[in-house]
Protein backbone atom coordinates (compact mmCIF):
# COMPACT_ATOMS: atom_id res chain seq x y z
CA MET A 1 15.90 11.10 -7.62
CA LYS A 2 16.53 7.72 -5.65
CA PRO A 3 17.91 3.91 -7.78
CA LEU A 4 14.38 2.39 -5.84
CA PHE A 5 12.43 4.52 -8.10
CA TYR A 6 14.37 4.12 -11.66
CA SER A 7 14.61 0.11 -10.79
CA THR A 8 10.51 0.69 -9.72
CA ILE A 9 9.69 1.67 -12.87
CA ALA A 10 11.69 0.25 -15.02
CA ALA A 11 10.10 -3.12 -13.99
CA LEU A 12 6.98 -2.40 -13.96
CA LEU A 13 7.49 -0.76 -17.59
CA THR A 14 9.03 -4.26 -18.29
CA LEU A 15 6.70 -6.51 -16.47
CA LEU A 16 4.33 -4.81 -17.38
CA ALA A 17 3.70 -3.77 -20.96
CA ALA A 18 1.81 -7.17 -22.53
CA ALA A 19 -0.96 -6.07 -20.69
CA GLU A 20 -3.50 -2.23 -19.35
CA VAL A 21 -3.35 -2.34 -15.71
CA THR A 22 -4.60 0.61 -13.97
CA LEU A 23 -5.94 2.07 -10.98
CA ARG A 24 -8.10 3.51 -9.07
CA ASP A 25 -11.09 3.49 -7.43
CA TYR A 26 -13.27 0.67 -6.62
CA GLU A 27 -16.02 1.06 -8.63
CA ASP A 28 -19.42 -1.37 -8.63
CA GLY A 29 -19.47 -4.62 -11.09
CA ASP A 30 -15.13 -4.94 -10.25
CA LYS A 31 -14.71 -8.39 -10.49
CA TYR A 32 -12.41 -10.25 -7.94
CA PRO A 33 -11.14 -13.99 -7.95
CA ASP A 34 -12.42 -14.30 -4.64
CA ASP A 35 -15.83 -12.65 -3.62
CA ILE A 36 -14.17 -10.91 0.15
CA MET A 37 -12.77 -7.17 -2.32
CA ALA A 38 -16.30 -6.31 -3.56
CA HIS A 39 -17.88 -7.09 -0.04
CA ILE A 40 -15.73 -4.84 1.66
CA CYS A 41 -14.93 -2.50 -1.05
CA LYS A 42 -18.59 -1.98 -1.21
CA HIS A 43 -19.54 -0.95 2.52
CA LYS A 44 -16.04 0.99 2.50
CA GLN A 45 -16.66 3.81 4.40
CA GLY A 46 -13.97 6.67 4.41
CA ILE A 47 -11.26 6.29 1.61
CA PRO A 48 -12.69 4.34 -1.35
CA CYS A 49 -10.57 0.76 -2.15
CA HIS A 50 -7.97 1.88 -4.59
CA VAL A 51 -7.59 -1.48 -7.42
CA ALA A 52 -5.47 -1.97 -10.05
CA VAL A 53 -7.65 -2.73 -13.11
CA ASN A 54 -5.67 -5.17 -15.99
CA SER A 55 -8.48 -3.74 -18.93
CA THR A 56 -7.04 -6.25 -21.74
CA LYS A 57 -9.63 -8.89 -19.31
CA GLY A 58 -12.09 -6.12 -18.90
CA PRO A 59 -13.36 -3.08 -17.87
CA HIS A 60 -13.82 -4.26 -14.81
CA SER A 61 -11.28 -7.20 -13.42
CA VAL A 62 -9.19 -6.07 -10.89
CA VAL A 63 -6.35 -7.98 -10.34
CA GLY A 64 -4.96 -6.17 -7.36
CA TYR A 65 -6.51 -3.82 -4.60
CA ILE A 66 -5.75 -2.15 -1.39
CA VAL A 67 -7.44 -1.08 1.18
CA MET A 68 -6.61 1.65 3.80
CA ASP A 69 -8.04 3.48 6.43
CA ILE A 70 -7.04 7.87 6.97
CA PRO A 71 -7.04 9.07 9.77
CA PHE A 72 -6.74 5.16 11.79
CA VAL A 73 -6.19 5.35 15.85
CA PHE A 74 -4.18 1.91 17.48
CA ASP A 75 -4.62 0.70 20.17
CA ALA A 76 -2.28 2.58 23.06
CA ASP A 77 0.47 -0.14 22.53
CA LEU A 78 0.01 -0.43 18.64
CA GLU A 79 0.64 3.74 18.82
CA ARG A 80 3.62 3.82 21.66
CA GLY A 81 5.07 0.67 19.22
CA ILE A 82 4.84 3.11 16.05
CA ARG A 83 5.89 5.61 17.66
CA LYS A 84 9.27 4.46 19.39
CA SER A 85 10.23 3.27 14.88
CA MET A 86 9.68 7.36 14.16
CA LYS A 87 12.62 9.64 13.87
CA TYR A 88 10.62 11.78 15.34
CA PRO A 89 7.99 10.40 18.45
CA GLN A 90 6.56 13.45 20.09
CA GLN A 91 5.29 15.01 16.70
CA LYS A 92 1.91 15.66 17.05
CA GLY A 93 0.00 13.37 14.40
CA SER A 94 -2.51 11.09 13.33
CA PHE A 95 -1.93 7.67 11.89
CA GLY A 96 -1.95 5.34 8.80
CA TYR A 97 -3.66 1.70 8.31
CA ILE A 98 -3.30 -0.53 5.17
CA GLU A 99 -5.74 -3.24 6.37
CA LEU A 100 -5.29 -4.91 3.18
CA VAL A 101 -3.09 -5.98 0.08
CA GLU A 102 -4.19 -8.04 -2.20
CA VAL A 103 -3.04 -8.84 -5.31
CA ASP A 104 -4.29 -11.94 -7.93
CA GLN A 105 -1.40 -14.75 -7.51
CA ALA A 106 -1.34 -15.16 -11.47
CA SER A 107 -0.78 -10.76 -11.32
CA GLN A 108 2.53 -11.61 -8.96
CA GLY A 109 5.54 -9.98 -9.61
CA SER A 110 4.35 -7.32 -11.43
CA GLY A 111 4.47 -4.81 -9.30
CA ILE A 112 0.85 -4.13 -9.01
CA GLY A 113 1.97 -4.23 -5.44
CA THR A 114 4.13 -1.94 -5.12
CA ALA A 115 1.90 0.27 -7.19
CA LEU A 116 -0.43 0.34 -4.63
CA LEU A 117 1.43 0.59 -1.73
CA LYS A 118 2.83 3.87 -3.15
CA TYR A 119 -0.63 5.33 -4.16
CA ALA A 120 -1.49 4.38 0.14
CA LEU A 121 1.25 6.00 0.83
CA GLU A 122 1.24 8.70 -1.06
CA ARG A 123 -2.36 9.48 0.09
CA GLY A 124 -1.17 9.33 3.77
CA GLU A 125 1.11 11.48 3.06
CA ALA A 126 -1.09 14.03 0.96
CA THR A 127 -3.68 13.98 4.34
CA ALA A 128 -2.64 16.19 6.33
CA GLY A 129 -1.31 15.34 10.44
CA THR A 130 -0.73 12.30 8.83
CA LEU A 131 2.64 11.20 10.11
CA ALA A 132 3.36 7.21 9.20
CA MET A 133 1.12 4.64 7.51
CA ALA A 134 0.87 1.30 9.13
CA LEU A 135 0.30 -2.60 7.97
CA ARG A 136 0.39 -6.12 9.73
CA VAL A 137 1.92 -9.13 7.73
CA SER A 138 2.29 -13.08 8.67
CA GLN A 139 6.11 -13.15 9.91
CA ASP A 140 6.08 -16.28 6.74
CA ASN A 141 4.82 -13.80 4.05
CA VAL A 142 8.97 -13.39 3.52
CA ARG A 143 8.08 -11.75 0.54
CA ALA A 144 5.56 -9.36 1.20
CA ILE A 145 8.20 -8.51 3.77
CA ARG A 146 10.85 -7.73 1.29
CA LEU A 147 8.75 -5.12 -0.44
CA TYR A 148 7.03 -3.63 2.69
CA GLU A 149 11.30 -3.04 3.56
CA LYS A 150 12.53 -2.07 -0.41
CA LEU A 151 9.15 0.99 0.20
CA HIS A 152 11.26 2.01 3.78
CA PHE A 153 8.63 -0.38 6.00
CA VAL A 154 10.55 -0.92 9.20
CA LYS A 155 9.17 -3.69 11.41
CA VAL A 156 7.66 -2.01 14.57
CA MET A 157 7.18 -5.25 16.85
CA SER A 158 5.54 -8.59 17.19
CA VAL A 159 1.60 -8.75 17.31
CA ARG A 160 -0.66 -11.21 17.74
CA LEU A 161 -0.93 -14.74 16.15
CA ARG A 162 3.10 -14.97 14.37
CA MET A 163 1.95 -10.77 12.79
CA ASP A 164 3.77 -7.94 12.75
CA LEU A 165 3.38 -4.74 12.91
CA TYR A 166 5.11 -2.82 9.97
CA ALA A 167 5.07 1.33 9.35
CA TYR A 168 6.62 3.83 7.26
CA ASP A 169 7.28 6.78 8.45
CA TYR A 170 7.05 10.50 6.67
CA GLY A 171 9.36 11.82 8.90
CA LEU A 172 12.26 9.76 8.00
CA HIS A 173 11.05 9.64 4.40
CA ASN A 174 9.88 12.37 2.20
CA MET A 175 7.69 10.43 -1.26
CA GLU A 176 8.77 13.33 -3.46
CA SER A 177 12.51 12.73 -2.77
CA GLU A 178 11.95 8.76 -3.08
CA ALA A 179 9.55 8.73 -6.64
CA ASP A 180 10.29 12.47 -7.56
CA GLY A 181 6.41 13.22 -6.90
CA SER A 182 3.16 11.32 -7.23
CA PHE A 183 4.04 7.74 -8.51
CA ASP A 184 2.59 6.96 -11.99
CA HIS A 185 -1.27 5.14 -12.24
CA VAL A 186 -1.53 3.45 -15.41
CA LEU A 187 1.08 0.83 -15.18
CA THR A 188 1.53 0.49 -19.00
């Protein structure tokens, strides 16, 4: 078991001890400080949005969410870039894409983003044929980049408008060996 897993769990237990935060699929009626989440998640096809709910604030009080697509078809240049970063670039299979991950500002730094990302990585690993998960991030979002790199995402390439593409390679990393099995979806 890796030290990252132990430090992540310790941080989650310490920082979330006062609040009961649970991860689950989006449900009608979930509320987040901006209306974008409800619109995206209500109409999401395929894999539903996954949300972090602070039940001390109410059963539909969302403090973070993640939107992903598995499989996802990248354009040829992006796929080529992802494959160049992989341990086994010729391997046949598909990719996943984390379209959006957001945590309410008041809840940032409490491990919710980490938990949502680990859920997405587990979901990708559990989907047959998924080679890697990728996401885009603003080059200015240093805090998010540090988190992604801590979770073993690597920078693949710069894309448009000061954005970078990062990828997590399942051929290089094994979620079970890094997290000793499924990540606990109740963060208390």
